[in-house]
Protein backbone atom coordinates (compact mmCIF):
# COMPACT_ATOMS: atom_id res chain seq x y z
CA UNK A 1 0.00 0.00 0.00
CA UNK A 2 2.09 2.95 -1.21
CA UNK A 3 1.43 6.43 0.08
CA UNK A 4 1.20 8.73 -2.96
CA UNK A 5 3.27 11.44 -1.32
CA UNK A 6 5.89 8.93 -0.13
CA UNK A 7 6.29 7.72 -3.71
CA UNK A 8 6.38 11.18 -5.32
CA UNK A 9 9.25 13.45 -6.27
CA UNK A 10 10.28 15.16 -3.00
CA UNK A 11 12.31 17.80 -4.88
CA UNK A 12 9.33 19.07 -6.89
CA UNK A 13 7.46 22.12 -5.61
CA UNK A 14 4.29 20.54 -7.04
CA UNK A 15 2.25 17.84 -5.29
CA UNK A 16 2.15 14.23 -6.43
CA UNK A 17 4.83 14.52 -9.11
CA UNK A 18 6.25 11.35 -10.65
CA UNK A 19 9.32 10.11 -8.75
CA UNK A 20 12.60 9.19 -10.38
CA UNK A 21 12.76 5.61 -11.65
CA UNK A 22 15.39 4.84 -9.00
CA UNK A 23 13.26 6.18 -6.12
CA UNK A 24 10.19 4.36 -7.44
CA UNK A 25 12.11 1.10 -7.81
CA UNK A 26 13.38 1.39 -4.25
CA UNK A 27 9.87 2.00 -2.86
CA UNK A 28 8.39 -0.92 -4.81
CA UNK A 29 11.23 -3.24 -3.79
CA UNK A 30 10.65 -2.42 -0.13
CA UNK A 31 7.02 -3.50 -0.60
CA UNK A 32 8.19 -6.75 -2.22
CA UNK A 33 6.87 -5.71 -5.64
CA UNK A 34 8.77 -6.51 -8.82
CA UNK A 35 8.11 -5.30 -12.36
CA UNK A 36 7.51 -8.94 -13.38
CA UNK A 37 4.78 -9.58 -10.79
CA UNK A 38 1.09 -9.87 -11.54
CA UNK A 39 -0.18 -6.71 -9.83
CA UNK A 40 -3.77 -5.75 -9.05
CA UNK A 41 -4.35 -2.23 -7.73
CA UNK A 42 -7.49 -0.96 -6.03
CA UNK A 43 -8.62 1.81 -3.75
CA UNK A 44 -11.19 2.34 -1.04
CA UNK A 45 -13.40 4.65 -3.13
CA UNK A 46 -13.94 2.38 -6.14
CA UNK A 47 -11.81 4.01 -8.79
CA UNK A 48 -10.05 7.13 -7.60
CA UNK A 49 -6.31 6.76 -7.09
CA UNK A 50 -5.97 3.19 -8.39
CA UNK A 51 -5.71 4.48 -11.96
CA UNK A 52 -2.78 6.70 -10.96
CA UNK A 53 -1.01 3.72 -9.36
CA UNK A 54 -1.66 1.63 -12.50
CA UNK A 55 -0.24 4.39 -14.73
CA UNK A 56 2.83 4.88 -12.54
CA UNK A 57 3.60 1.16 -12.45
CA UNK A 58 3.16 0.90 -16.23
CA UNK A 59 5.30 3.93 -17.02
CA UNK A 60 8.03 2.51 -14.78
CA UNK A 61 8.07 -0.81 -16.64
CA UNK A 62 5.62 -3.16 -14.93
CA UNK A 63 3.65 -4.87 -17.69
CA UNK A 64 1.17 -7.09 -15.84
CA UNK A 65 -0.81 -4.48 -13.92
CA UNK A 66 -4.56 -4.38 -13.61
CA UNK A 67 -7.12 -2.20 -11.81
CA UNK A 68 -9.79 -3.97 -9.76
CA UNK A 69 -12.96 -2.64 -11.37
CA UNK A 70 -15.15 -1.14 -8.66
CA UNK A 71 -12.32 -1.33 -6.13
CA UNK A 72 -12.80 -2.23 -2.50
CA UNK A 73 -16.48 -1.12 -2.35
CA UNK A 74 -17.48 -3.64 -5.04
CA UNK A 75 -15.29 -6.33 -3.47
CA UNK A 76 -17.09 -5.79 -0.14
CA UNK A 77 -20.54 -5.64 -1.78
CA UNK A 78 -19.86 -9.04 -3.34
CA UNK A 79 -19.04 -10.47 0.11
CA UNK A 80 -15.46 -11.36 -0.76
CA UNK A 81 -12.81 -12.20 1.83
CA UNK A 82 -11.01 -9.34 3.60
CA UNK A 83 -8.05 -9.23 5.95
CA UNK A 84 -7.48 -6.69 8.72
CA UNK A 85 -4.29 -5.25 10.15
CA UNK A 86 -0.98 -4.05 8.82
CA UNK A 87 0.74 -5.82 5.96
CA UNK A 88 4.42 -6.54 6.34
CA UNK A 89 6.27 -7.68 3.22
CA UNK A 90 8.00 -11.00 3.77
CA UNK A 91 11.06 -9.79 1.93
CA UNK A 92 12.26 -7.08 -0.39
CA UNK A 93 12.30 -7.52 -4.13
CA UNK A 94 14.22 -5.88 -6.89
CA UNK A 95 12.13 -3.69 -9.17
CA UNK A 96 14.03 -3.03 -12.40
CA UNK A 97 12.53 0.17 -13.79
CA UNK A 98 12.20 0.68 -17.52
CA UNK A 99 10.95 4.26 -17.54
CA UNK A 100 8.95 5.16 -20.67
CA UNK A 101 9.74 8.87 -21.04
CA UNK A 102 7.62 9.10 -24.22
CA UNK A 103 4.48 8.71 -22.09
CA UNK A 104 5.16 11.81 -19.99
CA UNK A 105 5.17 15.42 -21.18
CA UNK A 106 6.72 18.53 -19.74
CA UNK A 107 5.36 22.06 -19.45
CA UNK A 108 6.67 23.12 -22.86
CA UNK A 109 4.98 20.14 -24.54
CA UNK A 110 1.69 21.00 -22.84
CA UNK A 111 1.91 24.61 -24.07
CA UNK A 112 2.56 23.32 -27.59
CA UNK A 113 -0.38 20.92 -27.29
CA UNK A 114 -2.73 23.70 -26.21
CA UNK A 115 -1.76 25.67 -29.32
CA UNK A 116 -1.87 22.67 -31.67
CA UNK A 117 -3.71 19.47 -32.51
CA UNK A 118 -3.18 17.64 -29.21
CA UNK A 119 -6.06 17.80 -26.74
CA UNK A 120 -5.42 18.42 -23.05
CA UNK A 121 -8.10 16.71 -20.97
CA UNK A 122 -8.43 17.62 -17.28
CA UNK A 123 -10.04 14.95 -15.06
CA UNK A 124 -10.94 17.21 -12.12
CA UNK A 125 -14.51 18.01 -11.17
CA UNK A 126 -16.16 20.81 -13.12
CA UNK A 127 -16.22 23.34 -10.22
CA UNK A 128 -12.45 23.01 -9.74
CA UNK A 129 -11.88 23.14 -13.51
CA UNK A 130 -13.94 26.33 -13.80
CA UNK A 131 -12.21 27.89 -10.78
CA UNK A 132 -15.42 27.97 -8.75
CA UNK A 133 -14.04 25.64 -6.06
CA UNK A 134 -10.73 25.98 -4.28
CA UNK A 135 -7.96 23.52 -5.00
CA UNK A 136 -7.41 21.11 -2.11
CA UNK A 137 -3.64 21.21 -2.59
CA UNK A 138 -1.65 24.13 -1.22
CA UNK A 139 -0.03 26.31 -3.86
CA UNK A 140 -2.22 25.12 -6.75
CA UNK A 141 -4.29 27.88 -8.33
CA UNK A 142 -7.94 27.46 -9.23
CA UNK A 143 -9.11 27.19 -12.81
CA UNK A 144 -7.72 25.45 -15.87
CA UNK A 145 -5.24 25.78 -18.71
CA UNK A 146 -6.62 27.82 -21.64
CA UNK A 147 -7.93 25.43 -24.28
CA UNK A 148 -8.11 22.38 -21.99
CA UNK A 149 -11.19 20.18 -22.03
CA UNK A 150 -12.91 18.95 -18.87
CA UNK A 151 -13.93 15.34 -18.41
CA UNK A 152 -14.33 14.70 -14.67
CA UNK A 153 -13.18 11.17 -13.92
CA UNK A 154 -16.52 10.45 -12.23
CA UNK A 155 -18.25 10.72 -15.61
CA UNK A 156 -16.29 7.65 -16.70
CA UNK A 157 -17.81 5.56 -13.92
CA UNK A 158 -21.08 3.73 -13.44
CA UNK A 159 -23.12 4.20 -10.25
CA UNK A 160 -21.32 1.21 -8.66
CA UNK A 161 -17.91 2.86 -9.34
CA UNK A 162 -17.04 0.40 -12.12
CA UNK A 163 -15.60 1.81 -15.34
CA UNK A 164 -18.04 2.48 -18.17
CA UNK A 165 -17.40 0.48 -21.32
CA UNK A 166 -18.10 0.59 -25.04
CA UNK A 167 -20.57 3.14 -26.37
CA UNK A 168 -21.31 4.54 -22.90
CA UNK A 169 -17.63 5.29 -22.32
CA UNK A 170 -17.24 6.77 -25.81
CA UNK A 171 -20.29 8.96 -25.20
CA UNK A 172 -18.70 10.44 -22.06
CA UNK A 173 -15.67 11.50 -24.09
CA UNK A 174 -17.84 12.87 -26.91
CA UNK A 175 -19.97 14.90 -24.47
CA UNK A 176 -16.79 16.52 -23.15
CA UNK A 177 -15.71 17.42 -26.70
CA UNK A 178 -12.83 14.94 -26.78
CA UNK A 179 -12.08 13.52 -30.23
CA UNK A 180 -10.75 10.00 -29.63
CA UNK A 181 -9.12 10.03 -33.08
CA UNK A 182 -6.76 12.82 -31.99
CA UNK A 183 -3.89 12.66 -29.49
CA UNK A 184 -4.67 13.40 -25.84
CA UNK A 185 -2.64 14.59 -22.88
CA UNK A 186 -4.38 13.90 -19.59
CA UNK A 187 -4.12 16.02 -16.46
CA UNK A 188 -5.56 16.13 -13.00
CA UNK A 189 -4.90 19.75 -12.17
C-alpha atoms as a PDB file:
ATOM      1  CA  UNK A   1       0.000   0.000   0.000  1.00  0.00           C
ATOM      2  CA  UNK A   2       2.088   2.947  -1.206  1.00  0.00           C
ATOM      3  CA  UNK A   3       1.427   6.434   0.080  1.00  0.00           C
ATOM      4  CA  UNK A   4       1.198   8.727  -2.961  1.00  0.00           C
ATOM      5  CA  UNK A   5       3.274  11.437  -1.319  1.00  0.00           C
ATOM      6  CA  UNK A   6       5.886   8.925  -0.128  1.00  0.00           C
ATOM      7  CA  UNK A   7       6.285   7.717  -3.710  1.00  0.00           C
ATOM      8  CA  UNK A   8       6.376  11.179  -5.322  1.00  0.00           C
ATOM      9  CA  UNK A   9       9.253  13.454  -6.265  1.00  0.00           C
ATOM     10  CA  UNK A  10      10.278  15.158  -3.000  1.00  0.00           C
ATOM     11  CA  UNK A  11      12.309  17.805  -4.881  1.00  0.00           C
ATOM     12  CA  UNK A  12       9.333  19.074  -6.888  1.00  0.00           C
ATOM     13  CA  UNK A  13       7.457  22.123  -5.611  1.00  0.00           C
ATOM     14  CA  UNK A  14       4.286  20.541  -7.041  1.00  0.00           C
ATOM     15  CA  UNK A  15       2.247  17.840  -5.291  1.00  0.00           C
ATOM     16  CA  UNK A  16       2.145  14.228  -6.431  1.00  0.00           C
ATOM     17  CA  UNK A  17       4.834  14.521  -9.110  1.00  0.00           C
ATOM     18  CA  UNK A  18       6.247  11.353 -10.648  1.00  0.00           C
ATOM     19  CA  UNK A  19       9.325  10.107  -8.746  1.00  0.00           C
ATOM     20  CA  UNK A  20      12.596   9.194 -10.377  1.00  0.00           C
ATOM     21  CA  UNK A  21      12.765   5.612 -11.654  1.00  0.00           C
ATOM     22  CA  UNK A  22      15.390   4.844  -8.996  1.00  0.00           C
ATOM     23  CA  UNK A  23      13.257   6.179  -6.123  1.00  0.00           C
ATOM     24  CA  UNK A  24      10.195   4.362  -7.440  1.00  0.00           C
ATOM     25  CA  UNK A  25      12.107   1.103  -7.811  1.00  0.00           C
ATOM     26  CA  UNK A  26      13.381   1.387  -4.246  1.00  0.00           C
ATOM     27  CA  UNK A  27       9.870   1.999  -2.864  1.00  0.00           C
ATOM     28  CA  UNK A  28       8.394  -0.923  -4.809  1.00  0.00           C
ATOM     29  CA  UNK A  29      11.226  -3.241  -3.795  1.00  0.00           C
ATOM     30  CA  UNK A  30      10.649  -2.418  -0.126  1.00  0.00           C
ATOM     31  CA  UNK A  31       7.023  -3.495  -0.597  1.00  0.00           C
ATOM     32  CA  UNK A  32       8.188  -6.750  -2.219  1.00  0.00           C
ATOM     33  CA  UNK A  33       6.868  -5.711  -5.643  1.00  0.00           C
ATOM     34  CA  UNK A  34       8.768  -6.507  -8.824  1.00  0.00           C
ATOM     35  CA  UNK A  35       8.109  -5.298 -12.355  1.00  0.00           C
ATOM     36  CA  UNK A  36       7.514  -8.938 -13.381  1.00  0.00           C
ATOM     37  CA  UNK A  37       4.777  -9.578 -10.795  1.00  0.00           C
ATOM     38  CA  UNK A  38       1.088  -9.869 -11.541  1.00  0.00           C
ATOM     39  CA  UNK A  39      -0.176  -6.706  -9.829  1.00  0.00           C
ATOM     40  CA  UNK A  40      -3.771  -5.751  -9.046  1.00  0.00           C
ATOM     41  CA  UNK A  41      -4.352  -2.227  -7.734  1.00  0.00           C
ATOM     42  CA  UNK A  42      -7.493  -0.962  -6.030  1.00  0.00           C
ATOM     43  CA  UNK A  43      -8.615   1.810  -3.755  1.00  0.00           C
ATOM     44  CA  UNK A  44     -11.193   2.336  -1.042  1.00  0.00           C
ATOM     45  CA  UNK A  45     -13.401   4.646  -3.129  1.00  0.00           C
ATOM     46  CA  UNK A  46     -13.942   2.377  -6.136  1.00  0.00           C
ATOM     47  CA  UNK A  47     -11.812   4.008  -8.787  1.00  0.00           C
ATOM     48  CA  UNK A  48     -10.051   7.133  -7.601  1.00  0.00           C
ATOM     49  CA  UNK A  49      -6.313   6.759  -7.089  1.00  0.00           C
ATOM     50  CA  UNK A  50      -5.966   3.193  -8.394  1.00  0.00           C
ATOM     51  CA  UNK A  51      -5.707   4.476 -11.961  1.00  0.00           C
ATOM     52  CA  UNK A  52      -2.778   6.698 -10.961  1.00  0.00           C
ATOM     53  CA  UNK A  53      -1.011   3.722  -9.355  1.00  0.00           C
ATOM     54  CA  UNK A  54      -1.664   1.631 -12.498  1.00  0.00           C
ATOM     55  CA  UNK A  55      -0.242   4.385 -14.729  1.00  0.00           C
ATOM     56  CA  UNK A  56       2.826   4.876 -12.545  1.00  0.00           C
ATOM     57  CA  UNK A  57       3.596   1.164 -12.453  1.00  0.00           C
ATOM     58  CA  UNK A  58       3.157   0.896 -16.232  1.00  0.00           C
ATOM     59  CA  UNK A  59       5.295   3.928 -17.020  1.00  0.00           C
ATOM     60  CA  UNK A  60       8.027   2.505 -14.775  1.00  0.00           C
ATOM     61  CA  UNK A  61       8.069  -0.809 -16.641  1.00  0.00           C
ATOM     62  CA  UNK A  62       5.622  -3.159 -14.934  1.00  0.00           C
ATOM     63  CA  UNK A  63       3.651  -4.874 -17.692  1.00  0.00           C
ATOM     64  CA  UNK A  64       1.169  -7.089 -15.840  1.00  0.00           C
ATOM     65  CA  UNK A  65      -0.809  -4.483 -13.918  1.00  0.00           C
ATOM     66  CA  UNK A  66      -4.565  -4.381 -13.609  1.00  0.00           C
ATOM     67  CA  UNK A  67      -7.120  -2.203 -11.806  1.00  0.00           C
ATOM     68  CA  UNK A  68      -9.791  -3.971  -9.756  1.00  0.00           C
ATOM     69  CA  UNK A  69     -12.955  -2.645 -11.369  1.00  0.00           C
ATOM     70  CA  UNK A  70     -15.148  -1.140  -8.657  1.00  0.00           C
ATOM     71  CA  UNK A  71     -12.323  -1.330  -6.134  1.00  0.00           C
ATOM     72  CA  UNK A  72     -12.796  -2.232  -2.495  1.00  0.00           C
ATOM     73  CA  UNK A  73     -16.483  -1.121  -2.353  1.00  0.00           C
ATOM     74  CA  UNK A  74     -17.485  -3.641  -5.042  1.00  0.00           C
ATOM     75  CA  UNK A  75     -15.290  -6.327  -3.466  1.00  0.00           C
ATOM     76  CA  UNK A  76     -17.093  -5.787  -0.139  1.00  0.00           C
ATOM     77  CA  UNK A  77     -20.539  -5.642  -1.779  1.00  0.00           C
ATOM     78  CA  UNK A  78     -19.862  -9.044  -3.343  1.00  0.00           C
ATOM     79  CA  UNK A  79     -19.043 -10.472   0.109  1.00  0.00           C
ATOM     80  CA  UNK A  80     -15.465 -11.359  -0.759  1.00  0.00           C
ATOM     81  CA  UNK A  81     -12.810 -12.203   1.832  1.00  0.00           C
ATOM     82  CA  UNK A  82     -11.007  -9.341   3.597  1.00  0.00           C
ATOM     83  CA  UNK A  83      -8.050  -9.231   5.946  1.00  0.00           C
ATOM     84  CA  UNK A  84      -7.477  -6.691   8.717  1.00  0.00           C
ATOM     85  CA  UNK A  85      -4.294  -5.248  10.152  1.00  0.00           C
ATOM     86  CA  UNK A  86      -0.982  -4.053   8.818  1.00  0.00           C
ATOM     87  CA  UNK A  87       0.740  -5.824   5.956  1.00  0.00           C
ATOM     88  CA  UNK A  88       4.420  -6.536   6.341  1.00  0.00           C
ATOM     89  CA  UNK A  89       6.272  -7.681   3.224  1.00  0.00           C
ATOM     90  CA  UNK A  90       8.003 -10.995   3.769  1.00  0.00           C
ATOM     91  CA  UNK A  91      11.064  -9.789   1.934  1.00  0.00           C
ATOM     92  CA  UNK A  92      12.259  -7.083  -0.387  1.00  0.00           C
ATOM     93  CA  UNK A  93      12.299  -7.524  -4.131  1.00  0.00           C
ATOM     94  CA  UNK A  94      14.223  -5.879  -6.886  1.00  0.00           C
ATOM     95  CA  UNK A  95      12.135  -3.694  -9.171  1.00  0.00           C
ATOM     96  CA  UNK A  96      14.034  -3.034 -12.400  1.00  0.00           C
ATOM     97  CA  UNK A  97      12.533   0.172 -13.789  1.00  0.00           C
ATOM     98  CA  UNK A  98      12.200   0.678 -17.524  1.00  0.00           C
ATOM     99  CA  UNK A  99      10.952   4.261 -17.542  1.00  0.00           C
ATOM    100  CA  UNK A 100       8.950   5.157 -20.673  1.00  0.00           C
ATOM    101  CA  UNK A 101       9.744   8.865 -21.043  1.00  0.00           C
ATOM    102  CA  UNK A 102       7.624   9.099 -24.218  1.00  0.00           C
ATOM    103  CA  UNK A 103       4.475   8.711 -22.091  1.00  0.00           C
ATOM    104  CA  UNK A 104       5.160  11.811 -19.995  1.00  0.00           C
ATOM    105  CA  UNK A 105       5.167  15.417 -21.181  1.00  0.00           C
ATOM    106  CA  UNK A 106       6.722  18.529 -19.737  1.00  0.00           C
ATOM    107  CA  UNK A 107       5.357  22.063 -19.450  1.00  0.00           C
ATOM    108  CA  UNK A 108       6.671  23.121 -22.864  1.00  0.00           C
ATOM    109  CA  UNK A 109       4.981  20.145 -24.543  1.00  0.00           C
ATOM    110  CA  UNK A 110       1.690  21.003 -22.841  1.00  0.00           C
ATOM    111  CA  UNK A 111       1.911  24.607 -24.067  1.00  0.00           C
ATOM    112  CA  UNK A 112       2.559  23.317 -27.592  1.00  0.00           C
ATOM    113  CA  UNK A 113      -0.377  20.924 -27.291  1.00  0.00           C
ATOM    114  CA  UNK A 114      -2.727  23.698 -26.209  1.00  0.00           C
ATOM    115  CA  UNK A 115      -1.760  25.669 -29.318  1.00  0.00           C
ATOM    116  CA  UNK A 116      -1.871  22.670 -31.671  1.00  0.00           C
ATOM    117  CA  UNK A 117      -3.706  19.472 -32.508  1.00  0.00           C
ATOM    118  CA  UNK A 118      -3.184  17.637 -29.215  1.00  0.00           C
ATOM    119  CA  UNK A 119      -6.064  17.797 -26.742  1.00  0.00           C
ATOM    120  CA  UNK A 120      -5.424  18.423 -23.050  1.00  0.00           C
ATOM    121  CA  UNK A 121      -8.098  16.714 -20.966  1.00  0.00           C
ATOM    122  CA  UNK A 122      -8.435  17.619 -17.282  1.00  0.00           C
ATOM    123  CA  UNK A 123     -10.036  14.950 -15.063  1.00  0.00           C
ATOM    124  CA  UNK A 124     -10.940  17.208 -12.116  1.00  0.00           C
ATOM    125  CA  UNK A 125     -14.512  18.011 -11.174  1.00  0.00           C
ATOM    126  CA  UNK A 126     -16.164  20.812 -13.123  1.00  0.00           C
ATOM    127  CA  UNK A 127     -16.218  23.342 -10.219  1.00  0.00           C
ATOM    128  CA  UNK A 128     -12.455  23.006  -9.735  1.00  0.00           C
ATOM    129  CA  UNK A 129     -11.876  23.136 -13.513  1.00  0.00           C
ATOM    130  CA  UNK A 130     -13.944  26.333 -13.796  1.00  0.00           C
ATOM    131  CA  UNK A 131     -12.210  27.887 -10.776  1.00  0.00           C
ATOM    132  CA  UNK A 132     -15.422  27.971  -8.749  1.00  0.00           C
ATOM    133  CA  UNK A 133     -14.044  25.641  -6.059  1.00  0.00           C
ATOM    134  CA  UNK A 134     -10.732  25.984  -4.281  1.00  0.00           C
ATOM    135  CA  UNK A 135      -7.961  23.523  -5.003  1.00  0.00           C
ATOM    136  CA  UNK A 136      -7.415  21.111  -2.107  1.00  0.00           C
ATOM    137  CA  UNK A 137      -3.638  21.213  -2.586  1.00  0.00           C
ATOM    138  CA  UNK A 138      -1.648  24.131  -1.224  1.00  0.00           C
ATOM    139  CA  UNK A 139      -0.029  26.312  -3.863  1.00  0.00           C
ATOM    140  CA  UNK A 140      -2.222  25.115  -6.754  1.00  0.00           C
ATOM    141  CA  UNK A 141      -4.286  27.879  -8.335  1.00  0.00           C
ATOM    142  CA  UNK A 142      -7.943  27.462  -9.226  1.00  0.00           C
ATOM    143  CA  UNK A 143      -9.109  27.189 -12.810  1.00  0.00           C
ATOM    144  CA  UNK A 144      -7.721  25.446 -15.874  1.00  0.00           C
ATOM    145  CA  UNK A 145      -5.244  25.777 -18.709  1.00  0.00           C
ATOM    146  CA  UNK A 146      -6.621  27.816 -21.639  1.00  0.00           C
ATOM    147  CA  UNK A 147      -7.934  25.430 -24.284  1.00  0.00           C
ATOM    148  CA  UNK A 148      -8.107  22.384 -21.988  1.00  0.00           C
ATOM    149  CA  UNK A 149     -11.192  20.183 -22.031  1.00  0.00           C
ATOM    150  CA  UNK A 150     -12.907  18.955 -18.875  1.00  0.00           C
ATOM    151  CA  UNK A 151     -13.929  15.342 -18.412  1.00  0.00           C
ATOM    152  CA  UNK A 152     -14.330  14.697 -14.671  1.00  0.00           C
ATOM    153  CA  UNK A 153     -13.184  11.167 -13.917  1.00  0.00           C
ATOM    154  CA  UNK A 154     -16.517  10.446 -12.226  1.00  0.00           C
ATOM    155  CA  UNK A 155     -18.250  10.723 -15.610  1.00  0.00           C
ATOM    156  CA  UNK A 156     -16.293   7.646 -16.704  1.00  0.00           C
ATOM    157  CA  UNK A 157     -17.809   5.556 -13.924  1.00  0.00           C
ATOM    158  CA  UNK A 158     -21.082   3.726 -13.439  1.00  0.00           C
ATOM    159  CA  UNK A 159     -23.120   4.195 -10.247  1.00  0.00           C
ATOM    160  CA  UNK A 160     -21.318   1.212  -8.663  1.00  0.00           C
ATOM    161  CA  UNK A 161     -17.914   2.861  -9.342  1.00  0.00           C
ATOM    162  CA  UNK A 162     -17.036   0.404 -12.124  1.00  0.00           C
ATOM    163  CA  UNK A 163     -15.601   1.808 -15.339  1.00  0.00           C
ATOM    164  CA  UNK A 164     -18.042   2.475 -18.167  1.00  0.00           C
ATOM    165  CA  UNK A 165     -17.402   0.478 -21.321  1.00  0.00           C
ATOM    166  CA  UNK A 166     -18.099   0.592 -25.041  1.00  0.00           C
ATOM    167  CA  UNK A 167     -20.568   3.142 -26.373  1.00  0.00           C
ATOM    168  CA  UNK A 168     -21.309   4.536 -22.896  1.00  0.00           C
ATOM    169  CA  UNK A 169     -17.625   5.288 -22.321  1.00  0.00           C
ATOM    170  CA  UNK A 170     -17.241   6.767 -25.809  1.00  0.00           C
ATOM    171  CA  UNK A 171     -20.292   8.962 -25.202  1.00  0.00           C
ATOM    172  CA  UNK A 172     -18.703  10.438 -22.057  1.00  0.00           C
ATOM    173  CA  UNK A 173     -15.666  11.499 -24.092  1.00  0.00           C
ATOM    174  CA  UNK A 174     -17.838  12.868 -26.909  1.00  0.00           C
ATOM    175  CA  UNK A 175     -19.973  14.897 -24.467  1.00  0.00           C
ATOM    176  CA  UNK A 176     -16.785  16.517 -23.150  1.00  0.00           C
ATOM    177  CA  UNK A 177     -15.710  17.425 -26.697  1.00  0.00           C
ATOM    178  CA  UNK A 178     -12.835  14.936 -26.782  1.00  0.00           C
ATOM    179  CA  UNK A 179     -12.078  13.524 -30.231  1.00  0.00           C
ATOM    180  CA  UNK A 180     -10.750  10.003 -29.633  1.00  0.00           C
ATOM    181  CA  UNK A 181      -9.124  10.027 -33.081  1.00  0.00           C
ATOM    182  CA  UNK A 182      -6.761  12.821 -31.993  1.00  0.00           C
ATOM    183  CA  UNK A 183      -3.889  12.662 -29.495  1.00  0.00           C
ATOM    184  CA  UNK A 184      -4.675  13.396 -25.836  1.00  0.00           C
ATOM    185  CA  UNK A 185      -2.640  14.593 -22.876  1.00  0.00           C
ATOM    186  CA  UNK A 186      -4.382  13.900 -19.586  1.00  0.00           C
ATOM    187  CA  UNK A 187      -4.118  16.019 -16.461  1.00  0.00           C
ATOM    188  CA  UNK A 188      -5.562  16.133 -12.996  1.00  0.00           C
ATOM    189  CA  UNK A 189      -4.896  19.751 -12.169  1.00  0.00           C
END
